[in-house]
Amino acid sequence: MVEKDKVLEVENLNVWYRSGALTKQRTHVLHDVSFTLHRGEILGLVGESGSGKSTLARAILGMEKDISGTVRHYTKRPQMVFQDPAGSLNPSFTAGRALSEPLLIYGKYDKKEIERRVRETLKMVGLDDEHYDRYPHELSGGQKQRLCIAIALIQKPGLIIADEPVSALDVTIQAQILQLIAQLEKELGISYLFISHDLNVVYQLCDRCLVMKDGYIVEQGDVETLYDNPQHPYTKELLRAAE
C-alpha cells in the first residue's frame, strides 16, 4: 500500500521498565517491534497475559517514556477503549456529560453543536436519547462499553486501540460489541489495533494479526494464512488452546 494509506507505522520499537528507587534497574519488555497499520484495517494483536500487548498500546499512544525506535502516526487524535468499561467512566458524569467533555476541552464548538454531536454519536453506537442523562451505574455492561466506544468516536479519530474490549462481557454481549466495531470500521473507515488473548475473536473480526510472546512479535500475517498455516510454535500452541 502507498504511504497515504498508512495510519500507523512502528519500527524497531523497544520499551524498558524501571524498577527500584535506588538501583533504577531497567527491564527490557518490548524488543524491536515493527509493523504497519493501514486505513480501514482491523489489525489483531494476540498473546498471553504479560506478553507485552498493553505495553505496546501505551507506547503507541506516547504513555511510555523509556523507549527507542520509531512510532509514526499518519492520523490525528488516536483513541483507546479499555477492557473494563466501568473503570473507564467517571461515575459522577452522565453519558451526555462524558461525551461532551472532550468537545468542551477542545473548545471549538458551541453548546448546541456539542449536544447535536453527542446525540448523533450515541445513536451511532446503538444507544438512544433516553441514555443521555443516565449515569454509569444505570447502564448494563454492554451499554457501558458502547458508551466508551462513543467517547472514543466523538473526537473523530482515524485510529482506535481496543485493549481487550469484550473480555469483561458475557458471550452474547461480546458478539454485539464485535458487530458494532466491524460496522463502524465499514461505515467510518476507522482503523483498529484490536488487542485480545482470544484467537477465535481475532479470526472473526480482524484482517491481519500480530502474535506477541515475551515482548517479541513472533509471527504476523493475514488471519486466514496465520490460522491455516501457522509457522511459529507459539502460534500453533495458541491455536490448539483455542480449539
C-alpha atoms as a PDB file:
ATOM      1  CA  MET A   1       0.000   0.000   0.000  1.00  0.00           C
ATOM      2  CA  VAL A   2       1.094   3.561  -0.638  1.00  0.00           C
ATOM      3  CA  GLU A   3       2.051   5.834   2.228  1.00  0.00           C
ATOM      4  CA  LYS A   4      -1.229   7.775   2.213  1.00  0.00           C
ATOM      5  CA  ASP A   5      -2.993   4.542   3.210  1.00  0.00           C
ATOM      6  CA  LYS A   6      -0.887   4.198   6.361  1.00  0.00           C
ATOM      7  CA  VAL A   7      -2.434   5.087   9.701  1.00  0.00           C
ATOM      8  CA  LEU A   8       0.358   3.862  11.985  1.00  0.00           C
ATOM      9  CA  GLU A   9       3.934   2.731  11.430  1.00  0.00           C
ATOM     10  CA  VAL A  10       6.052   1.190  14.187  1.00  0.00           C
ATOM     11  CA  GLU A  11       9.731   0.469  13.531  1.00  0.00           C
ATOM     12  CA  ASN A  12      12.166  -1.323  15.846  1.00  0.00           C
ATOM     13  CA  LEU A  13      10.272  -0.246  18.972  1.00  0.00           C
ATOM     14  CA  ASN A  14      11.894  -1.145  22.293  1.00  0.00           C
ATOM     15  CA  VAL A  15      10.459  -0.371  25.725  1.00  0.00           C
ATOM     16  CA  TRP A  16      12.089  -0.638  29.149  1.00  0.00           C
ATOM     17  CA  TYR A  17      10.531  -0.542  32.612  1.00  0.00           C
ATOM     18  CA  ARG A  18      12.430   0.865  35.566  1.00  0.00           C
ATOM     19  CA  SER A  19      12.262  -0.780  38.972  1.00  0.00           C
ATOM     20  CA  GLY A  20      13.843   0.065  42.317  1.00  0.00           C
ATOM     21  CA  ALA A  21      14.094   3.638  43.530  1.00  0.00           C
ATOM     22  CA  LEU A  22      17.779   3.239  44.377  1.00  0.00           C
ATOM     23  CA  THR A  23      19.094   0.891  41.699  1.00  0.00           C
ATOM     24  CA  LYS A  24      16.962   2.231  38.825  1.00  0.00           C
ATOM     25  CA  GLN A  25      17.223  -1.185  37.214  1.00  0.00           C
ATOM     26  CA  ARG A  26      15.883  -1.372  33.652  1.00  0.00           C
ATOM     27  CA  THR A  27      13.925  -4.348  32.354  1.00  0.00           C
ATOM     28  CA  HIS A  28      13.646  -4.761  28.598  1.00  0.00           C
ATOM     29  CA  VAL A  29       9.953  -5.541  27.939  1.00  0.00           C
ATOM     30  CA  LEU A  30       9.413  -4.880  24.199  1.00  0.00           C
ATOM     31  CA  HIS A  31      12.009  -5.965  21.653  1.00  0.00           C
ATOM     32  CA  ASP A  32      12.353  -4.491  18.132  1.00  0.00           C
ATOM     33  CA  VAL A  33       8.625  -4.455  17.386  1.00  0.00           C
ATOM     34  CA  SER A  34       7.807  -3.440  13.804  1.00  0.00           C
ATOM     35  CA  PHE A  35       4.504  -3.368  11.906  1.00  0.00           C
ATOM     36  CA  THR A  36       2.262  -1.107   9.812  1.00  0.00           C
ATOM     37  CA  LEU A  37      -1.474  -0.482  10.216  1.00  0.00           C
ATOM     38  CA  HIS A  38      -3.441   0.728   7.182  1.00  0.00           C
ATOM     39  CA  ARG A  39      -6.562   2.806   6.752  1.00  0.00           C
ATOM     40  CA  GLY A  40      -9.802   0.903   7.313  1.00  0.00           C
ATOM     41  CA  GLU A  41      -7.968  -2.169   8.624  1.00  0.00           C
ATOM     42  CA  ILE A  42      -8.563  -4.119  11.828  1.00  0.00           C
ATOM     43  CA  LEU A  43      -5.218  -5.473  13.000  1.00  0.00           C
ATOM     44  CA  GLY A  44      -5.324  -8.071  15.752  1.00  0.00           C
ATOM     45  CA  LEU A  45      -2.673  -8.350  18.461  1.00  0.00           C
ATOM     46  CA  VAL A  46      -2.740 -11.651  20.356  1.00  0.00           C
ATOM     47  CA  GLY A  47      -0.690 -13.204  23.115  1.00  0.00           C
ATOM     48  CA  GLU A  48      -0.979 -14.467  26.658  1.00  0.00           C
ATOM     49  CA  SER A  49      -1.217 -12.170  29.668  1.00  0.00           C
ATOM     50  CA  GLY A  50       2.151 -10.491  30.266  1.00  0.00           C
ATOM     51  CA  SER A  51       3.300 -10.851  26.665  1.00  0.00           C
ATOM     52  CA  GLY A  52       3.563  -7.067  26.203  1.00  0.00           C
ATOM     53  CA  LYS A  53       0.325  -6.243  24.372  1.00  0.00           C
ATOM     54  CA  SER A  54      -0.852  -3.426  26.664  1.00  0.00           C
ATOM     55  CA  THR A  55       2.690  -2.042  26.918  1.00  0.00           C
ATOM     56  CA  LEU A  56       2.751  -1.773  23.134  1.00  0.00           C
ATOM     57  CA  ALA A  57      -0.599   0.059  23.179  1.00  0.00           C
ATOM     58  CA  ARG A  58       0.675   2.563  25.741  1.00  0.00           C
ATOM     59  CA  ALA A  59       3.902   3.100  23.807  1.00  0.00           C
ATOM     60  CA  ILE A  60       1.935   3.833  20.624  1.00  0.00           C
ATOM     61  CA  LEU A  61      -0.062   6.488  22.498  1.00  0.00           C
ATOM     62  CA  GLY A  62       3.072   8.060  23.980  1.00  0.00           C
ATOM     63  CA  MET A  63       2.421   6.812  27.517  1.00  0.00           C
ATOM     64  CA  GLU A  64       5.770   5.005  27.820  1.00  0.00           C
ATOM     65  CA  LYS A  65       8.843   7.218  28.088  1.00  0.00           C
ATOM     66  CA  ASP A  66      11.806   4.825  28.243  1.00  0.00           C
ATOM     67  CA  ILE A  67      11.744   3.708  24.619  1.00  0.00           C
ATOM     68  CA  SER A  68      13.797   3.548  21.441  1.00  0.00           C
ATOM     69  CA  GLY A  69      12.676   3.122  17.849  1.00  0.00           C
ATOM     70  CA  THR A  70      10.022   4.988  15.889  1.00  0.00           C
ATOM     71  CA  VAL A  71       6.247   5.385  16.158  1.00  0.00           C
ATOM     72  CA  ARG A  72       4.752   7.370  13.256  1.00  0.00           C
ATOM     73  CA  HIS A  73       1.105   8.458  13.292  1.00  0.00           C
ATOM     74  CA  TYR A  74      -0.497   9.398   9.978  1.00  0.00           C
ATOM     75  CA  THR A  75      -3.844  10.305  11.526  1.00  0.00           C
ATOM     76  CA  LYS A  76      -4.990  12.696  14.248  1.00  0.00           C
ATOM     77  CA  ARG A  77      -6.334  12.048  17.739  1.00  0.00           C
ATOM     78  CA  PRO A  78      -5.848   8.267  18.178  1.00  0.00           C
ATOM     79  CA  GLN A  79      -8.078   6.967  20.967  1.00  0.00           C
ATOM     80  CA  MET A  80      -8.200   3.957  23.261  1.00  0.00           C
ATOM     81  CA  VAL A  81     -11.011   1.711  24.500  1.00  0.00           C
ATOM     82  CA  PHE A  82     -10.127  -0.252  27.631  1.00  0.00           C
ATOM     83  CA  GLN A  83     -11.061  -3.690  28.923  1.00  0.00           C
ATOM     84  CA  ASP A  84     -13.146  -2.578  31.911  1.00  0.00           C
ATOM     85  CA  PRO A  85     -15.810  -0.085  30.825  1.00  0.00           C
ATOM     86  CA  ALA A  86     -16.902   0.613  34.405  1.00  0.00           C
ATOM     87  CA  GLY A  87     -13.388   1.607  35.389  1.00  0.00           C
ATOM     88  CA  SER A  88     -13.078   3.870  32.346  1.00  0.00           C
ATOM     89  CA  LEU A  89     -16.113   6.019  33.144  1.00  0.00           C
ATOM     90  CA  ASN A  90     -16.463   8.816  35.684  1.00  0.00           C
ATOM     91  CA  PRO A  91     -19.329   7.654  37.950  1.00  0.00           C
ATOM     92  CA  SER A  92     -20.445  11.267  38.516  1.00  0.00           C
ATOM     93  CA  PHE A  93     -20.847  12.009  34.776  1.00  0.00           C
ATOM     94  CA  THR A  94     -23.986  11.186  32.815  1.00  0.00           C
ATOM     95  CA  ALA A  95     -23.483   9.678  29.365  1.00  0.00           C
ATOM     96  CA  GLY A  96     -24.163  13.067  27.813  1.00  0.00           C
ATOM     97  CA  ARG A  97     -21.645  14.807  30.072  1.00  0.00           C
ATOM     98  CA  ALA A  98     -18.981  12.146  29.452  1.00  0.00           C
ATOM     99  CA  LEU A  99     -19.369  12.567  25.707  1.00  0.00           C
ATOM    100  CA  SER A 100     -19.474  16.358  25.900  1.00  0.00           C
ATOM    101  CA  GLU A 101     -16.283  16.669  27.939  1.00  0.00           C
ATOM    102  CA  PRO A 102     -13.736  16.107  25.096  1.00  0.00           C
ATOM    103  CA  LEU A 103     -15.554  18.653  22.920  1.00  0.00           C
ATOM    104  CA  LEU A 104     -15.705  21.191  25.750  1.00  0.00           C
ATOM    105  CA  ILE A 105     -11.966  20.801  26.307  1.00  0.00           C
ATOM    106  CA  TYR A 106     -11.344  21.188  22.585  1.00  0.00           C
ATOM    107  CA  GLY A 107     -13.216  24.490  22.808  1.00  0.00           C
ATOM    108  CA  LYS A 108     -14.257  24.685  19.163  1.00  0.00           C
ATOM    109  CA  TYR A 109     -17.991  24.001  19.403  1.00  0.00           C
ATOM    110  CA  ASP A 110     -20.947  25.873  20.891  1.00  0.00           C
ATOM    111  CA  LYS A 111     -23.417  24.213  23.262  1.00  0.00           C
ATOM    112  CA  LYS A 112     -25.971  23.418  20.546  1.00  0.00           C
ATOM    113  CA  GLU A 113     -23.394  21.791  18.268  1.00  0.00           C
ATOM    114  CA  ILE A 114     -21.977  19.748  21.159  1.00  0.00           C
ATOM    115  CA  GLU A 115     -25.396  18.367  22.068  1.00  0.00           C
ATOM    116  CA  ARG A 116     -26.094  17.532  18.413  1.00  0.00           C
ATOM    117  CA  ARG A 117     -22.837  15.630  18.078  1.00  0.00           C
ATOM    118  CA  VAL A 118     -23.315  13.834  21.377  1.00  0.00           C
ATOM    119  CA  ARG A 119     -26.786  12.579  20.454  1.00  0.00           C
ATOM    120  CA  GLU A 120     -25.591  11.631  16.975  1.00  0.00           C
ATOM    121  CA  THR A 121     -22.687   9.625  18.410  1.00  0.00           C
ATOM    122  CA  LEU A 122     -24.911   7.871  20.956  1.00  0.00           C
ATOM    123  CA  LYS A 123     -27.143   6.730  18.114  1.00  0.00           C
ATOM    124  CA  MET A 124     -24.081   5.594  16.138  1.00  0.00           C
ATOM    125  CA  VAL A 125     -23.146   3.093  18.866  1.00  0.00           C
ATOM    126  CA  GLY A 126     -26.676   1.806  19.415  1.00  0.00           C
ATOM    127  CA  LEU A 127     -27.706   3.947  22.396  1.00  0.00           C
ATOM    128  CA  ASP A 128     -30.857   6.100  22.453  1.00  0.00           C
ATOM    129  CA  ASP A 129     -31.716   9.602  23.628  1.00  0.00           C
ATOM    130  CA  GLU A 130     -33.014   8.007  26.837  1.00  0.00           C
ATOM    131  CA  HIS A 131     -29.400   7.099  27.736  1.00  0.00           C
ATOM    132  CA  TYR A 132     -28.248  10.730  27.507  1.00  0.00           C
ATOM    133  CA  ASP A 133     -28.980  11.506  31.171  1.00  0.00           C
ATOM    134  CA  ARG A 134     -28.080   8.125  32.615  1.00  0.00           C
ATOM    135  CA  TYR A 135     -25.127   7.550  34.927  1.00  0.00           C
ATOM    136  CA  PRO A 136     -22.773   4.569  34.503  1.00  0.00           C
ATOM    137  CA  HIS A 137     -24.441   2.602  37.329  1.00  0.00           C
ATOM    138  CA  GLU A 138     -27.716   2.838  35.398  1.00  0.00           C
ATOM    139  CA  LEU A 139     -26.214   1.167  32.326  1.00  0.00           C
ATOM    140  CA  SER A 140     -25.590  -2.520  31.609  1.00  0.00           C
ATOM    141  CA  GLY A 141     -22.076  -3.800  30.918  1.00  0.00           C
ATOM    142  CA  GLY A 142     -22.665  -3.753  27.170  1.00  0.00           C
ATOM    143  CA  GLN A 143     -24.137  -0.250  27.313  1.00  0.00           C
ATOM    144  CA  LYS A 144     -21.118   0.969  29.286  1.00  0.00           C
ATOM    145  CA  GLN A 145     -18.762  -0.367  26.624  1.00  0.00           C
ATOM    146  CA  ARG A 146     -20.880   1.208  23.873  1.00  0.00           C
ATOM    147  CA  LEU A 147     -20.539   4.497  25.741  1.00  0.00           C
ATOM    148  CA  CYS A 148     -16.747   4.062  25.977  1.00  0.00           C
ATOM    149  CA  ILE A 149     -16.628   3.451  22.215  1.00  0.00           C
ATOM    150  CA  ALA A 150     -18.765   6.573  21.711  1.00  0.00           C
ATOM    151  CA  ILE A 151     -16.322   8.626  23.818  1.00  0.00           C
ATOM    152  CA  ALA A 152     -13.510   7.418  21.567  1.00  0.00           C
ATOM    153  CA  LEU A 153     -15.545   8.237  18.437  1.00  0.00           C
ATOM    154  CA  ILE A 154     -16.658  11.737  19.478  1.00  0.00           C
ATOM    155  CA  GLN A 155     -13.277  13.207  18.505  1.00  0.00           C
ATOM    156  CA  LYS A 156     -13.437  11.556  15.055  1.00  0.00           C
ATOM    157  CA  PRO A 157     -10.209   9.551  15.337  1.00  0.00           C
ATOM    158  CA  GLY A 158      -8.584   7.702  12.466  1.00  0.00           C
ATOM    159  CA  LEU A 159      -7.249   5.047  14.848  1.00  0.00           C
ATOM    160  CA  ILE A 160      -8.755   3.305  17.868  1.00  0.00           C
ATOM    161  CA  ILE A 161      -6.729   0.950  20.048  1.00  0.00           C
ATOM    162  CA  ALA A 162      -9.120  -1.519  21.650  1.00  0.00           C
ATOM    163  CA  ASP A 163      -7.455  -3.315  24.576  1.00  0.00           C
ATOM    164  CA  GLU A 164      -9.442  -6.494  25.349  1.00  0.00           C
ATOM    165  CA  PRO A 165     -12.715  -4.558  24.865  1.00  0.00           C
ATOM    166  CA  VAL A 166     -15.039  -7.576  25.131  1.00  0.00           C
ATOM    167  CA  SER A 167     -13.285  -9.868  27.620  1.00  0.00           C
ATOM    168  CA  ALA A 168     -15.271  -8.488  30.599  1.00  0.00           C
ATOM    169  CA  LEU A 169     -18.621  -9.096  28.853  1.00  0.00           C
ATOM    170  CA  ASP A 170     -20.749 -12.205  28.501  1.00  0.00           C
ATOM    171  CA  VAL A 171     -20.743 -14.087  25.199  1.00  0.00           C
ATOM    172  CA  THR A 172     -23.972 -12.600  23.817  1.00  0.00           C
ATOM    173  CA  ILE A 173     -22.915  -9.021  24.542  1.00  0.00           C
ATOM    174  CA  GLN A 174     -19.424  -9.764  23.198  1.00  0.00           C
ATOM    175  CA  ALA A 175     -20.942 -10.651  19.821  1.00  0.00           C
ATOM    176  CA  GLN A 176     -22.936  -7.405  19.763  1.00  0.00           C
ATOM    177  CA  ILE A 177     -19.887  -5.260  20.544  1.00  0.00           C
ATOM    178  CA  LEU A 178     -17.774  -7.065  17.926  1.00  0.00           C
ATOM    179  CA  GLN A 179     -20.529  -6.467  15.371  1.00  0.00           C
ATOM    180  CA  LEU A 180     -20.550  -2.776  16.326  1.00  0.00           C
ATOM    181  CA  ILE A 181     -16.761  -2.477  15.896  1.00  0.00           C
ATOM    182  CA  ALA A 182     -16.951  -4.101  12.444  1.00  0.00           C
ATOM    183  CA  GLN A 183     -19.863  -1.871  11.460  1.00  0.00           C
ATOM    184  CA  LEU A 184     -18.041   1.313  12.493  1.00  0.00           C
ATOM    185  CA  GLU A 185     -14.952   0.233  10.569  1.00  0.00           C
ATOM    186  CA  LYS A 186     -17.026  -0.171   7.405  1.00  0.00           C
ATOM    187  CA  GLU A 187     -19.127   2.985   7.827  1.00  0.00           C
ATOM    188  CA  LEU A 188     -16.424   5.381   9.057  1.00  0.00           C
ATOM    189  CA  GLY A 189     -13.216   3.840   7.721  1.00  0.00           C
ATOM    190  CA  ILE A 190     -11.688   3.754  11.211  1.00  0.00           C
ATOM    191  CA  SER A 191      -8.599   1.622  11.724  1.00  0.00           C
ATOM    192  CA  TYR A 192      -8.274  -0.541  14.840  1.00  0.00           C
ATOM    193  CA  LEU A 193      -5.480  -2.200  16.719  1.00  0.00           C
ATOM    194  CA  PHE A 194      -7.578  -4.890  18.411  1.00  0.00           C
ATOM    195  CA  ILE A 195      -5.847  -6.492  21.388  1.00  0.00           C
ATOM    196  CA  SER A 196      -7.084  -9.869  22.590  1.00  0.00           C
ATOM    197  CA  HIS A 197      -5.992 -13.177  24.078  1.00  0.00           C
ATOM    198  CA  ASP A 198      -8.835 -14.933  22.225  1.00  0.00           C
ATOM    199  CA  LEU A 199      -7.792 -16.121  18.766  1.00  0.00           C
ATOM    200  CA  ASN A 200     -11.361 -17.065  17.864  1.00  0.00           C
ATOM    201  CA  VAL A 201     -12.457 -13.447  18.345  1.00  0.00           C
ATOM    202  CA  VAL A 202      -9.490 -12.188  16.316  1.00  0.00           C
ATOM    203  CA  TYR A 203     -10.253 -14.612  13.485  1.00  0.00           C
ATOM    204  CA  GLN A 204     -13.866 -13.469  13.417  1.00  0.00           C
ATOM    205  CA  LEU A 205     -13.097  -9.731  13.382  1.00  0.00           C
ATOM    206  CA  CYS A 206      -9.604  -8.919  12.117  1.00  0.00           C
ATOM    207  CA  ASP A 207      -7.967  -8.624   8.699  1.00  0.00           C
ATOM    208  CA  ARG A 208      -4.406  -9.312   9.856  1.00  0.00           C
ATOM    209  CA  CYS A 209      -2.847 -10.469  13.096  1.00  0.00           C
ATOM    210  CA  LEU A 210       0.334  -9.963  15.120  1.00  0.00           C
ATOM    211  CA  VAL A 211       1.341 -12.712  17.560  1.00  0.00           C
ATOM    212  CA  MET A 212       3.310 -11.481  20.585  1.00  0.00           C
ATOM    213  CA  LYS A 213       5.330 -13.540  23.060  1.00  0.00           C
ATOM    214  CA  ASP A 214       7.654 -12.192  25.757  1.00  0.00           C
ATOM    215  CA  GLY A 215       7.746  -8.745  24.141  1.00  0.00           C
ATOM    216  CA  TYR A 216       8.562 -10.021  20.628  1.00  0.00           C
ATOM    217  CA  ILE A 217       6.342 -10.195  17.540  1.00  0.00           C
ATOM    218  CA  VAL A 218       6.965 -13.838  16.658  1.00  0.00           C
ATOM    219  CA  GLU A 219       4.610 -14.019  13.673  1.00  0.00           C
ATOM    220  CA  GLN A 220       2.349 -11.766  11.631  1.00  0.00           C
ATOM    221  CA  GLY A 221       0.160 -12.081   8.560  1.00  0.00           C
ATOM    222  CA  ASP A 222      -3.418 -12.148   7.316  1.00  0.00           C
ATOM    223  CA  VAL A 223      -5.702 -14.153   9.577  1.00  0.00           C
ATOM    224  CA  GLU A 224      -6.584 -16.836   7.025  1.00  0.00           C
ATOM    225  CA  THR A 225      -2.933 -17.717   6.387  1.00  0.00           C
ATOM    226  CA  LEU A 226      -1.995 -17.461  10.048  1.00  0.00           C
ATOM    227  CA  TYR A 227      -4.767 -19.809  11.136  1.00  0.00           C
ATOM    228  CA  ASP A 228      -4.485 -22.271   8.254  1.00  0.00           C
ATOM    229  CA  ASN A 229      -0.695 -22.430   8.150  1.00  0.00           C
ATOM    230  CA  PRO A 230       0.930 -21.102  11.346  1.00  0.00           C
ATOM    231  CA  GLN A 231       4.725 -21.103  11.294  1.00  0.00           C
ATOM    232  CA  HIS A 232       5.827 -20.324  14.845  1.00  0.00           C
ATOM    233  CA  PRO A 233       5.451 -22.950  17.604  1.00  0.00           C
ATOM    234  CA  TYR A 234       3.840 -20.377  19.897  1.00  0.00           C
ATOM    235  CA  THR A 235       1.164 -19.533  17.304  1.00  0.00           C
ATOM    236  CA  LYS A 236       0.462 -23.254  16.933  1.00  0.00           C
ATOM    237  CA  GLU A 237       0.187 -23.542  20.723  1.00  0.00           C
ATOM    238  CA  LEU A 238      -2.305 -20.658  20.911  1.00  0.00           C
ATOM    239  CA  LEU A 239      -4.415 -22.159  18.136  1.00  0.00           C
ATOM    240  CA  ARG A 240      -4.510 -25.553  19.857  1.00  0.00           C
ATOM    241  CA  ALA A 241      -5.622 -23.869  23.076  1.00  0.00           C
ATOM    242  CA  ALA A 242      -8.416 -22.052  21.196  1.00  0.00           C
ATOM    243  CA  GLU A 243      -9.916 -25.234  19.729  1.00  0.00           C
END
